[in-house]
């Protein structure tokens, strides 16, 4: 562990802090800390920044309730920038967006990696824009009963493929199931982050159970 005295604050006594979701690793915001706000953050276990516009300390979530609980703070190689991993109680952005970084400037479609978050955004777009000829849009138009029926059908297909010990077919059917489950999630307003948080909470419980068994 390094000491705060080793950090390099700029001429105004500030250091940039890149706030990252500890579960999803999504960049949430870029803020600034001075020595006092960093010490407060460490002592309280929640983010406290220095507002350059108001020239005062501000604890994230003080008025909105969207508190960011700190998991880890890391300094870069030059000791002049920080990443702050957090578990958040609500949106990071004052606009209500999950992250402050939501305005696309450029993207190379050929190089952009596939991600479940990107797929979720694509599915969400089909619900909003109602693209003609889109199967996803068709599911949203038919409603929750149709979506649930497809989820049930895909569950059965996974079971059949798994029972046959057909790895390739099982992968194919699980992919179909995941897609239809994601359609259901969008329909019900459930995010990937909601599922990750739930799984993470179960991991903590499981870890505690294992520890208890080891001590008996």
Protein backbone atom coordinates (compact mmCIF):
# COMPACT_ATOMS: atom_id res chain seq x y z
CA UNK A 1 0.00 0.00 0.00
CA UNK A 2 1.33 3.43 -0.91
CA UNK A 3 1.02 6.53 1.24
CA UNK A 4 -1.05 9.55 0.19
CA UNK A 5 2.13 11.62 0.45
CA UNK A 6 3.48 9.70 -2.55
CA UNK A 7 0.67 10.92 -4.81
CA UNK A 8 1.28 13.85 -7.14
CA UNK A 9 -1.46 16.46 -6.92
CA UNK A 10 -1.41 19.18 -9.60
CA UNK A 11 -0.70 22.88 -9.10
CA UNK A 12 -4.28 23.34 -7.83
CA UNK A 13 -3.89 20.50 -5.37
CA UNK A 14 -6.09 18.14 -7.38
CA UNK A 15 -5.75 14.62 -8.75
CA UNK A 16 -8.12 13.09 -11.37
CA UNK A 17 -10.18 10.14 -10.13
CA UNK A 18 -11.68 7.75 -12.67
CA UNK A 19 -14.65 6.06 -11.00
CA UNK A 20 -15.33 2.50 -12.17
CA UNK A 21 -18.16 0.08 -11.35
CA UNK A 22 -16.49 -2.69 -9.32
CA UNK A 23 -18.82 -5.35 -10.73
CA UNK A 24 -19.09 -4.46 -14.41
CA UNK A 25 -15.81 -2.50 -14.77
CA UNK A 26 -17.75 0.19 -16.63
CA UNK A 27 -16.27 3.68 -16.38
CA UNK A 28 -18.83 5.77 -14.50
CA UNK A 29 -17.37 9.25 -14.27
CA UNK A 30 -14.24 11.37 -14.12
CA UNK A 31 -14.01 13.59 -11.07
CA UNK A 32 -11.28 15.30 -9.05
CA UNK A 33 -10.07 14.86 -5.50
CA UNK A 34 -7.84 17.00 -3.32
CA UNK A 35 -5.99 15.60 -0.35
CA UNK A 36 -8.87 16.31 2.04
CA UNK A 37 -11.54 14.70 -0.15
CA UNK A 38 -9.33 11.64 -0.71
CA UNK A 39 -8.80 11.27 3.03
CA UNK A 40 -12.56 11.61 3.61
CA UNK A 41 -13.21 9.01 0.91
CA UNK A 42 -10.83 6.55 2.55
CA UNK A 43 -12.08 7.19 6.09
CA UNK A 44 -15.79 7.01 5.18
CA UNK A 45 -15.55 4.34 2.51
CA UNK A 46 -17.59 6.41 0.04
CA UNK A 47 -16.58 8.82 -2.69
CA UNK A 48 -16.00 12.44 -1.81
CA UNK A 49 -14.74 14.81 -4.51
CA UNK A 50 -13.65 18.41 -4.94
CA UNK A 51 -16.04 20.42 -7.07
CA UNK A 52 -14.02 22.66 -9.36
CA UNK A 53 -17.09 24.69 -10.33
CA UNK A 54 -18.35 25.28 -6.79
CA UNK A 55 -14.91 25.21 -5.17
CA UNK A 56 -16.07 22.96 -2.36
CA UNK A 57 -16.13 19.35 -1.18
CA UNK A 58 -19.04 17.21 -2.30
CA UNK A 59 -19.92 13.72 -1.20
CA UNK A 60 -21.46 11.74 -4.05
CA UNK A 61 -25.09 10.97 -3.23
CA UNK A 62 -25.35 13.56 -0.47
CA UNK A 63 -28.55 14.96 -2.00
CA UNK A 64 -29.48 12.35 -4.63
CA UNK A 65 -28.93 9.25 -2.50
CA UNK A 66 -26.76 7.75 -5.25
CA UNK A 67 -23.90 6.92 -2.91
CA UNK A 68 -20.77 5.21 -4.23
CA UNK A 69 -19.24 2.73 -1.77
CA UNK A 70 -15.51 2.34 -2.35
CA UNK A 71 -14.07 -1.12 -2.96
CA UNK A 72 -10.57 -0.14 -4.03
CA UNK A 73 -8.48 2.90 -4.96
CA UNK A 74 -5.45 2.47 -7.25
CA UNK A 75 -2.86 5.00 -8.40
CA UNK A 76 -1.28 4.92 -11.85
CA UNK A 77 2.43 4.43 -12.56
CA UNK A 78 3.15 8.19 -12.36
CA UNK A 79 1.17 8.57 -9.12
CA UNK A 80 -0.80 11.44 -10.65
CA UNK A 81 -4.17 9.76 -11.39
CA UNK A 82 -6.51 7.40 -9.54
CA UNK A 83 -9.04 4.74 -10.38
CA UNK A 84 -11.76 4.29 -7.78
CA UNK A 85 -13.71 1.04 -7.93
CA UNK A 86 -17.15 1.39 -6.35
CA UNK A 87 -20.43 -0.32 -5.70
CA UNK A 88 -23.10 2.26 -6.40
CA UNK A 89 -26.57 2.80 -4.99
CA UNK A 90 -27.84 4.52 -8.13
CA UNK A 91 -26.89 6.27 -11.37
CA UNK A 92 -23.47 7.92 -11.48
CA UNK A 93 -24.55 10.77 -13.80
CA UNK A 94 -26.68 13.74 -12.77
CA UNK A 95 -28.75 13.15 -15.94
CA UNK A 96 -29.97 9.84 -14.53
CA UNK A 97 -27.77 7.78 -16.86
CA UNK A 98 -25.89 4.87 -15.33
CA UNK A 99 -22.57 6.35 -16.50
CA UNK A 100 -21.54 9.87 -17.46
CA UNK A 101 -19.99 8.40 -20.62
CA UNK A 102 -22.92 7.74 -22.96
CA UNK A 103 -22.34 10.08 -25.93
CA UNK A 104 -20.73 8.06 -28.72
CA UNK A 105 -18.06 9.96 -30.65
CA UNK A 106 -16.59 7.19 -32.81
CA UNK A 107 -16.76 3.41 -33.08
CA UNK A 108 -15.08 0.99 -35.47
CA UNK A 109 -17.66 -1.72 -36.03
CA UNK A 110 -15.03 -4.13 -37.32
CA UNK A 111 -12.87 -3.84 -34.22
CA UNK A 112 -15.55 -3.36 -31.58
CA UNK A 113 -15.63 -6.50 -29.41
CA UNK A 114 -18.86 -8.35 -28.78
CA UNK A 115 -20.26 -7.85 -25.30
CA UNK A 116 -23.45 -8.70 -23.48
CA UNK A 117 -23.87 -4.99 -22.69
CA UNK A 118 -23.74 -4.16 -26.41
CA UNK A 119 -26.25 -6.91 -27.17
CA UNK A 120 -28.55 -5.56 -24.48
CA UNK A 121 -28.37 -2.11 -26.03
CA UNK A 122 -29.20 -3.57 -29.44
CA UNK A 123 -32.19 -5.42 -28.01
CA UNK A 124 -33.31 -2.29 -26.14
CA UNK A 125 -33.08 -0.35 -29.39
CA UNK A 126 -35.38 -2.82 -31.13
CA UNK A 127 -37.97 -2.25 -28.40
CA UNK A 128 -37.77 1.52 -28.73
CA UNK A 129 -37.40 1.96 -32.50
CA UNK A 130 -39.64 -0.96 -33.61
CA UNK A 131 -37.55 -1.90 -36.64
CA UNK A 132 -39.69 -3.49 -39.34
CA UNK A 133 -38.87 -7.14 -40.01
CA UNK A 134 -36.92 -7.51 -36.76
CA UNK A 135 -37.62 -10.71 -34.83
CA UNK A 136 -36.73 -8.92 -31.60
CA UNK A 137 -39.25 -6.17 -32.31
CA UNK A 138 -41.80 -8.86 -33.12
CA UNK A 139 -41.31 -10.40 -29.67
CA UNK A 140 -41.79 -7.04 -27.96
CA UNK A 141 -44.93 -6.36 -29.98
CA UNK A 142 -46.39 -9.75 -29.00
CA UNK A 143 -45.72 -9.04 -25.36
CA UNK A 144 -44.67 -10.82 -22.19
CA UNK A 145 -46.63 -14.04 -22.78
CA UNK A 146 -44.91 -14.67 -26.13
CA UNK A 147 -41.50 -13.87 -24.67
CA UNK A 148 -42.05 -16.22 -21.72
CA UNK A 149 -43.22 -18.96 -24.07
CA UNK A 150 -39.99 -18.65 -26.09
CA UNK A 151 -37.90 -18.74 -22.91
CA UNK A 152 -39.68 -21.95 -21.90
CA UNK A 153 -39.16 -23.51 -25.33
CA UNK A 154 -35.45 -22.68 -25.32
CA UNK A 155 -35.05 -24.15 -21.83
CA UNK A 156 -36.46 -27.41 -23.17
CA UNK A 157 -34.10 -27.33 -26.15
CA UNK A 158 -31.13 -26.87 -23.82
CA UNK A 159 -32.23 -29.86 -21.76
CA UNK A 160 -32.62 -32.05 -24.85
CA UNK A 161 -29.21 -31.07 -26.24
CA UNK A 162 -27.53 -31.52 -22.86
CA UNK A 163 -29.15 -34.91 -22.32
CA UNK A 164 -27.82 -36.01 -25.73
CA UNK A 165 -24.34 -34.88 -24.61
CA UNK A 166 -24.09 -32.83 -27.80
CA UNK A 167 -21.73 -30.00 -26.88
CA UNK A 168 -22.10 -27.97 -30.10
CA UNK A 169 -25.89 -28.19 -30.04
CA UNK A 170 -25.97 -27.34 -26.35
CA UNK A 171 -23.88 -24.22 -26.98
CA UNK A 172 -26.25 -23.24 -29.79
CA UNK A 173 -29.36 -23.73 -27.65
CA UNK A 174 -27.88 -21.97 -24.61
CA UNK A 175 -27.14 -18.99 -26.88
CA UNK A 176 -30.78 -18.97 -28.00
CA UNK A 177 -31.89 -19.16 -24.37
CA UNK A 178 -29.59 -16.32 -23.29
CA UNK A 179 -30.91 -14.12 -26.10
CA UNK A 180 -34.54 -14.73 -25.19
CA UNK A 181 -33.81 -14.22 -21.49
CA UNK A 182 -32.24 -10.86 -22.38
CA UNK A 183 -35.38 -9.90 -24.31
CA UNK A 184 -37.34 -10.76 -21.16
CA UNK A 185 -34.96 -8.64 -19.09
CA UNK A 186 -35.47 -5.60 -21.33
CA UNK A 187 -39.23 -6.12 -21.27
CA UNK A 188 -39.18 -6.15 -17.46
CA UNK A 189 -36.60 -3.38 -17.01
CA UNK A 190 -33.89 -5.69 -15.65
CA UNK A 191 -30.25 -4.80 -16.43
CA UNK A 192 -27.10 -6.89 -16.66
CA UNK A 193 -25.91 -5.03 -13.58
CA UNK A 194 -28.98 -6.25 -11.65
CA UNK A 195 -28.03 -9.86 -12.41
CA UNK A 196 -24.34 -9.29 -11.65
CA UNK A 197 -25.19 -7.75 -8.28
CA UNK A 198 -27.47 -10.67 -7.44
CA UNK A 199 -24.81 -13.22 -8.38
CA UNK A 200 -22.18 -11.27 -6.47
CA UNK A 201 -24.36 -11.31 -3.34
CA UNK A 202 -24.70 -15.08 -3.65
CA UNK A 203 -20.93 -15.39 -4.03
CA UNK A 204 -20.45 -13.56 -0.74
CA UNK A 205 -22.93 -15.86 0.98
CA UNK A 206 -21.28 -18.94 -0.50
CA UNK A 207 -17.86 -17.67 0.57
CA UNK A 208 -19.08 -17.19 4.14
CA UNK A 209 -20.57 -20.70 4.18
CA UNK A 210 -17.26 -22.16 2.99
CA UNK A 211 -15.38 -20.24 5.68
CA UNK A 212 -17.77 -21.49 8.37
CA UNK A 213 -17.30 -25.09 7.22
CA UNK A 214 -13.53 -24.71 7.29
CA UNK A 215 -13.56 -23.43 10.86
CA UNK A 216 -15.71 -26.29 12.16
